[in-house]
Amino acid sequence: GRSVAMLPLPTAASSPSVAPGSAVTASVGRSLLQMALAAASPVKKHADGGKCACDDEEASPAGGFGVGGSPVTGDTSSEDEQSEKKSAGWTLLRSAFGWRRHGQAKEAELEPEDGFRAFDIADDMEAGMARESTADFTTPLRKSGRLWRFRLLRSEDRMEARLVTEGGDFLMYARVYLTARTVAFYLYDPAREEEMSLFNPNAPAFTLSFNEARTEWRLVQERCDNCQLAPPHMSCTHSGKQQLAFIQHFRSQVGDGISNIMEVRIPGIYSDGRAMTWCPMLGRGDLGNSKGRGYETQLLVTKLPTWNENVESLVLDFKGRNILSSAKNFQLALQQKPEHVLCQYGKLSDTNFGLDFKFPLSVIQAFGIAMSSLFWI
């Protein structure tokens, strides 16, 4: 079978054009970017041969955190110090350009972020708690022969969920807004006292919207990678935003049972492992209408369960997991390689689910896909 199809790297000619008269702004932007990246850059190799985390491919699948107890190898400086440097860089860049998020939550249009929040970020940055960059969550996990293990902890009313590593470290928080038909994703956990000042319910990092029938779901990034430095009237804020996934749900008869199935379309992957930025301002329309565009998108399909006469039920083999029976359990594979599981989601207890996935999926894509099964029965 074929592996993940790769796109050639974009050329300079395909980059968005720069508006006339923006030379000074661009110069200032480059200076600030250099300052931000300098603060965010990991320590280089030392003369004595010591390595930083960026020198070791095994350090982390997405470059930002250890996964499921996988080793995060060492740099001579402390892990907290590296985290603080990274947060400092991106906080500087974000504050300098006045980035704002827009969208919907709590059935109302989101208001601009409170200016005083910058002081909270600065205070928590000093304590190593600020997490303002979404890059760790949108970067596809590095290639691996096995699935990276995570867990999804769901509230009893199913309206909240937390994504954690297999070891229990917090990654993301999700909240469901039924009236607005959205699931909002945040980088901070409102239940943690040390993060309460940073949590803003009106400013999610990502949003998953669904139709009235709950059969179509669109995952978007609130702050587009392509438009984040553009003025509002030249950004995709009001024209669909940067799309990360389009999910469709169906029901199909398998044997004597009925199975929930889904198809997931995600942006294509460049040859260097980066995901394509699916922004309307780059001439890309709705991700859900992108069929037939070659390798610009990847289609994931459900691996169908089989009917087991002995137990008189549909069954799936979740290797390495002791899974309980649930209508929400699923496995996904690339359309061109349907037997090779890339993502699996299975019930471990009433409020605890295993979420395991690998390249080409990112953390937010897998979390969004799992949350889309919220209403499956």
Foldseek 3Di string as FASTA:
>chain_A
DDDADADADDDPVLADDDDPPCVVVVVVLVVLLVVLCVLQDWDCADPVGFHAQVVDPQQWQLPPDHAQPRHRDHDPDDPLSNLLSNLVSVLSSCVVLVFFFWDDDPRDTFDTDDPCLSVVLVVVSVVSRHDDDCSSQQFFTHDDPFWTKWKWFADLVRQKIFIGHNVRHTAKIWGADVVQQKIFIARFDCVDPSCVSVDDRRHGQKMWHADPVLFKIWIAGRQAPSCRNPPPVLACNPPRHWTAKIKGWDWDDADPDIAIWMKMKGAAAHPVRGGDGQGVSSVHHDSVPCPPVPRRIWMKIWQFFHQDPVVRDTDDDPPPDDADDDSLWTFIDTPVCGVRTAWTWGHPDSRMIMIIGHPPGGNVVSVSVSSSSSPGD
